[in-house]
């Protein structure tokens, strides 16, 4: 399954990349599973996308929970929580 991934703000800065295209394995069917796959890269990936760490996710430009099901050609975006002020 082809997935376009975007990284914004502090997540982008920590990972050193703004976007990537990924051919996800068949067992990656949800946003949570995608995040786990990216964490498995280790190092800064594991730290930045750690389970329990506040990271917001958008799926095809809509804010979602991690259990959302992925689809071929979808876009997933990761970014830190937005604060006002």
N, C-alpha and C. Protein backbone atom coordinates (compact mmCIF):
# COMPACT_ATOMS: atom_id res chain seq x y z
N UNK A 1 0.85 -1.17 0.00
CA UNK A 1 0.00 0.00 0.00
C UNK A 1 0.90 1.24 0.00
N UNK A 2 0.62 2.16 -0.89
CA UNK A 2 1.39 3.39 -1.01
C UNK A 2 0.80 4.45 -0.08
N UNK A 3 1.67 5.06 0.76
CA UNK A 3 1.25 6.09 1.71
C UNK A 3 2.17 7.28 1.57
N UNK A 4 1.60 8.46 1.49
CA UNK A 4 2.36 9.71 1.53
C UNK A 4 2.34 10.19 2.97
N UNK A 5 3.52 10.45 3.52
CA UNK A 5 3.62 10.87 4.92
C UNK A 5 4.23 12.26 4.97
N UNK A 6 3.63 13.13 5.76
CA UNK A 6 4.11 14.49 5.96
C UNK A 6 4.43 14.68 7.45
N UNK A 7 5.48 15.44 7.71
CA UNK A 7 5.89 15.76 9.08
C UNK A 7 5.94 17.28 9.21
N UNK A 8 5.38 17.81 10.30
CA UNK A 8 5.30 19.25 10.48
C UNK A 8 5.92 19.71 11.79
N UNK A 9 6.37 20.96 11.78
CA UNK A 9 6.85 21.68 12.96
C UNK A 9 7.94 20.91 13.69
N UNK A 10 7.80 20.74 15.00
CA UNK A 10 8.85 20.09 15.81
C UNK A 10 9.09 18.65 15.39
N UNK A 11 8.07 17.96 14.89
CA UNK A 11 8.24 16.58 14.42
C UNK A 11 9.17 16.59 13.20
N UNK A 12 8.93 17.49 12.28
CA UNK A 12 9.79 17.63 11.09
C UNK A 12 11.22 17.95 11.50
N UNK A 13 11.39 18.87 12.41
CA UNK A 13 12.73 19.27 12.85
C UNK A 13 13.46 18.10 13.51
N UNK A 14 12.77 17.34 14.35
CA UNK A 14 13.40 16.22 15.04
C UNK A 14 13.80 15.11 14.07
N UNK A 15 12.94 14.84 13.09
CA UNK A 15 13.19 13.74 12.15
C UNK A 15 14.08 14.14 10.99
N UNK A 16 14.20 15.43 10.75
CA UNK A 16 15.06 15.90 9.67
C UNK A 16 14.48 15.71 8.29
N UNK A 17 13.18 15.56 8.20
CA UNK A 17 12.54 15.40 6.90
C UNK A 17 11.11 15.95 6.97
N UNK A 18 10.64 16.48 5.86
CA UNK A 18 9.29 17.04 5.80
C UNK A 18 8.27 16.07 5.23
N UNK A 19 8.75 15.10 4.44
CA UNK A 19 7.81 14.17 3.81
C UNK A 19 8.54 12.95 3.29
N UNK A 20 7.77 11.92 3.05
CA UNK A 20 8.30 10.71 2.42
C UNK A 20 7.15 9.91 1.84
N UNK A 21 7.47 9.09 0.87
CA UNK A 21 6.52 8.13 0.31
C UNK A 21 6.94 6.77 0.84
N UNK A 22 5.98 5.96 1.24
CA UNK A 22 6.27 4.67 1.85
C UNK A 22 5.38 3.60 1.25
N UNK A 23 5.98 2.49 0.90
CA UNK A 23 5.22 1.30 0.51
C UNK A 23 5.09 0.46 1.77
N UNK A 24 3.95 0.53 2.41
CA UNK A 24 3.75 -0.14 3.69
C UNK A 24 3.53 -1.64 3.50
N UNK A 25 4.08 -2.45 4.40
CA UNK A 25 3.83 -3.89 4.35
C UNK A 25 2.35 -4.19 4.58
N UNK A 26 1.93 -5.37 4.20
CA UNK A 26 0.51 -5.76 4.31
C UNK A 26 -0.03 -5.70 5.73
N UNK A 27 0.84 -5.89 6.73
CA UNK A 27 0.35 -5.91 8.11
C UNK A 27 0.15 -4.51 8.69
N UNK A 28 0.50 -3.48 7.95
CA UNK A 28 0.29 -2.10 8.40
C UNK A 28 -1.03 -1.61 7.80
N UNK A 29 -2.08 -1.65 8.62
CA UNK A 29 -3.42 -1.33 8.13
C UNK A 29 -4.05 -0.13 8.83
N UNK A 30 -3.43 0.36 9.91
CA UNK A 30 -3.99 1.50 10.65
C UNK A 30 -2.91 2.54 10.87
N UNK A 31 -3.33 3.72 11.27
CA UNK A 31 -2.39 4.78 11.57
C UNK A 31 -1.51 4.37 12.74
N UNK A 32 -2.08 3.71 13.75
CA UNK A 32 -1.27 3.23 14.88
C UNK A 32 -0.18 2.27 14.41
N UNK A 33 -0.52 1.38 13.50
CA UNK A 33 0.46 0.42 12.98
C UNK A 33 1.54 1.14 12.16
N UNK A 34 1.15 2.18 11.42
CA UNK A 34 2.12 2.97 10.68
C UNK A 34 3.08 3.66 11.63
N UNK A 35 2.54 4.24 12.67
CA UNK A 35 3.39 4.92 13.67
C UNK A 35 4.36 3.92 14.31
N UNK A 36 3.90 2.72 14.61
CA UNK A 36 4.77 1.68 15.17
C UNK A 36 5.86 1.29 14.19
N UNK A 37 5.52 1.19 12.90
CA UNK A 37 6.51 0.87 11.87
C UNK A 37 7.59 1.95 11.81
N UNK A 38 7.19 3.20 11.88
CA UNK A 38 8.15 4.30 11.85
C UNK A 38 9.01 4.31 13.11
N UNK A 39 8.41 4.03 14.26
CA UNK A 39 9.17 3.95 15.52
C UNK A 39 10.22 2.86 15.47
N UNK A 40 9.93 1.79 14.77
CA UNK A 40 10.86 0.65 14.69
C UNK A 40 12.16 1.03 13.99
N UNK A 41 12.21 2.17 13.35
CA UNK A 41 13.46 2.64 12.75
C UNK A 41 14.49 2.96 13.83
N UNK A 42 14.01 3.15 15.05
CA UNK A 42 14.89 3.41 16.19
C UNK A 42 15.32 4.86 16.29
N UNK A 43 16.24 5.13 17.22
CA UNK A 43 16.81 6.45 17.40
C UNK A 43 15.78 7.54 17.57
N UNK A 44 15.97 8.62 16.82
CA UNK A 44 15.10 9.79 16.91
C UNK A 44 13.66 9.44 16.49
N UNK A 45 13.50 8.47 15.60
CA UNK A 45 12.16 8.03 15.18
C UNK A 45 11.41 7.45 16.37
N UNK A 46 12.08 6.59 17.12
CA UNK A 46 11.46 5.96 18.29
C UNK A 46 11.12 7.00 19.35
N UNK A 47 11.98 7.98 19.53
CA UNK A 47 11.76 9.03 20.54
C UNK A 47 10.63 9.97 20.12
N UNK A 48 10.68 10.44 18.91
CA UNK A 48 9.73 11.45 18.44
C UNK A 48 8.32 10.90 18.32
N UNK A 49 8.18 9.65 17.88
CA UNK A 49 6.86 9.05 17.67
C UNK A 49 6.51 8.03 18.74
N UNK A 50 7.17 8.13 19.89
CA UNK A 50 6.97 7.18 20.99
C UNK A 50 5.50 7.07 21.38
N UNK A 51 5.11 5.86 21.74
CA UNK A 51 3.75 5.61 22.21
C UNK A 51 3.53 6.45 23.47
N UNK A 52 2.41 7.13 23.53
CA UNK A 52 2.11 7.98 24.67
C UNK A 52 2.61 9.41 24.52
N UNK A 53 3.46 9.66 23.55
CA UNK A 53 3.93 11.02 23.31
C UNK A 53 2.87 11.79 22.53
N UNK A 54 2.69 13.04 22.90
CA UNK A 54 1.66 13.86 22.26
C UNK A 54 2.06 14.20 20.83
N UNK A 55 1.45 13.48 19.90
CA UNK A 55 1.64 13.73 18.47
C UNK A 55 0.26 13.68 17.84
N UNK A 56 -0.11 14.71 17.13
CA UNK A 56 -1.40 14.75 16.44
C UNK A 56 -1.26 14.10 15.08
N UNK A 57 -2.36 13.57 14.56
CA UNK A 57 -2.34 12.89 13.27
C UNK A 57 -3.53 13.35 12.43
N UNK A 58 -3.25 13.62 11.17
CA UNK A 58 -4.30 13.92 10.20
C UNK A 58 -4.25 12.85 9.11
N UNK A 59 -5.42 12.41 8.67
CA UNK A 59 -5.55 11.41 7.62
C UNK A 59 -6.34 12.05 6.48
N UNK A 60 -5.69 12.21 5.34
CA UNK A 60 -6.32 12.89 4.20
C UNK A 60 -6.92 14.23 4.63
N UNK A 61 -6.14 15.00 5.40
CA UNK A 61 -6.47 16.36 5.84
C UNK A 61 -7.56 16.43 6.90
N UNK A 62 -7.86 15.32 7.56
CA UNK A 62 -8.86 15.30 8.63
C UNK A 62 -8.21 14.75 9.89
N UNK A 63 -8.39 15.44 11.01
CA UNK A 63 -7.84 14.97 12.28
C UNK A 63 -8.51 13.65 12.66
N UNK A 64 -7.69 12.68 13.10
CA UNK A 64 -8.22 11.35 13.40
C UNK A 64 -7.56 10.77 14.64
N UNK A 65 -8.10 9.64 15.08
CA UNK A 65 -7.47 8.83 16.11
C UNK A 65 -6.59 7.80 15.43
N UNK A 66 -5.71 7.18 16.18
CA UNK A 66 -4.76 6.24 15.61
C UNK A 66 -5.34 4.97 15.05
N UNK A 67 -6.59 4.65 15.39
CA UNK A 67 -7.16 3.39 14.91
C UNK A 67 -7.78 3.52 13.52
N UNK A 68 -7.65 4.67 12.89
CA UNK A 68 -8.20 4.87 11.54
C UNK A 68 -7.51 3.92 10.57
N UNK A 69 -8.30 3.34 9.67
CA UNK A 69 -7.79 2.38 8.70
C UNK A 69 -7.17 3.10 7.50
N UNK A 70 -5.97 2.68 7.13
CA UNK A 70 -5.26 3.27 5.99
C UNK A 70 -5.85 2.76 4.67
N UNK A 71 -5.60 3.52 3.61
CA UNK A 71 -6.02 3.10 2.28
C UNK A 71 -4.91 3.47 1.30
N UNK A 72 -4.85 2.75 0.19
CA UNK A 72 -3.82 3.00 -0.81
C UNK A 72 -3.91 4.43 -1.31
N UNK A 73 -2.77 5.11 -1.35
CA UNK A 73 -2.72 6.47 -1.85
C UNK A 73 -3.07 7.54 -0.83
N UNK A 74 -3.29 7.15 0.42
CA UNK A 74 -3.68 8.11 1.44
C UNK A 74 -2.51 8.98 1.88
N UNK A 75 -2.84 10.07 2.56
CA UNK A 75 -1.83 10.95 3.13
C UNK A 75 -2.01 10.95 4.64
N UNK A 76 -0.91 10.75 5.37
CA UNK A 76 -0.91 10.80 6.82
C UNK A 76 0.07 11.88 7.24
N UNK A 77 -0.36 12.77 8.13
CA UNK A 77 0.49 13.85 8.60
C UNK A 77 0.65 13.76 10.12
N UNK A 78 1.89 13.92 10.58
CA UNK A 78 2.20 13.92 12.01
C UNK A 78 2.69 15.30 12.41
N UNK A 79 2.17 15.82 13.52
CA UNK A 79 2.64 17.12 14.01
C UNK A 79 2.36 17.24 15.50
N UNK A 80 3.08 18.13 16.16
CA UNK A 80 2.88 18.29 17.60
C UNK A 80 1.54 18.97 17.88
N UNK A 81 1.06 18.84 19.10
CA UNK A 81 -0.18 19.55 19.46
C UNK A 81 0.01 21.06 19.26
N UNK A 82 -1.03 21.71 18.84
CA UNK A 82 -0.98 23.15 18.62
C UNK A 82 -1.46 23.84 19.88
N UNK A 83 -0.74 24.85 20.28
CA UNK A 83 -1.16 25.61 21.44
C UNK A 83 -1.45 27.04 21.02
N UNK A 84 -2.35 27.66 21.71
CA UNK A 84 -2.71 29.04 21.39
C UNK A 84 -1.93 30.02 22.24
N UNK A 85 -2.11 31.26 21.97
CA UNK A 85 -1.47 32.24 22.81
C UNK A 85 -1.23 33.44 22.12
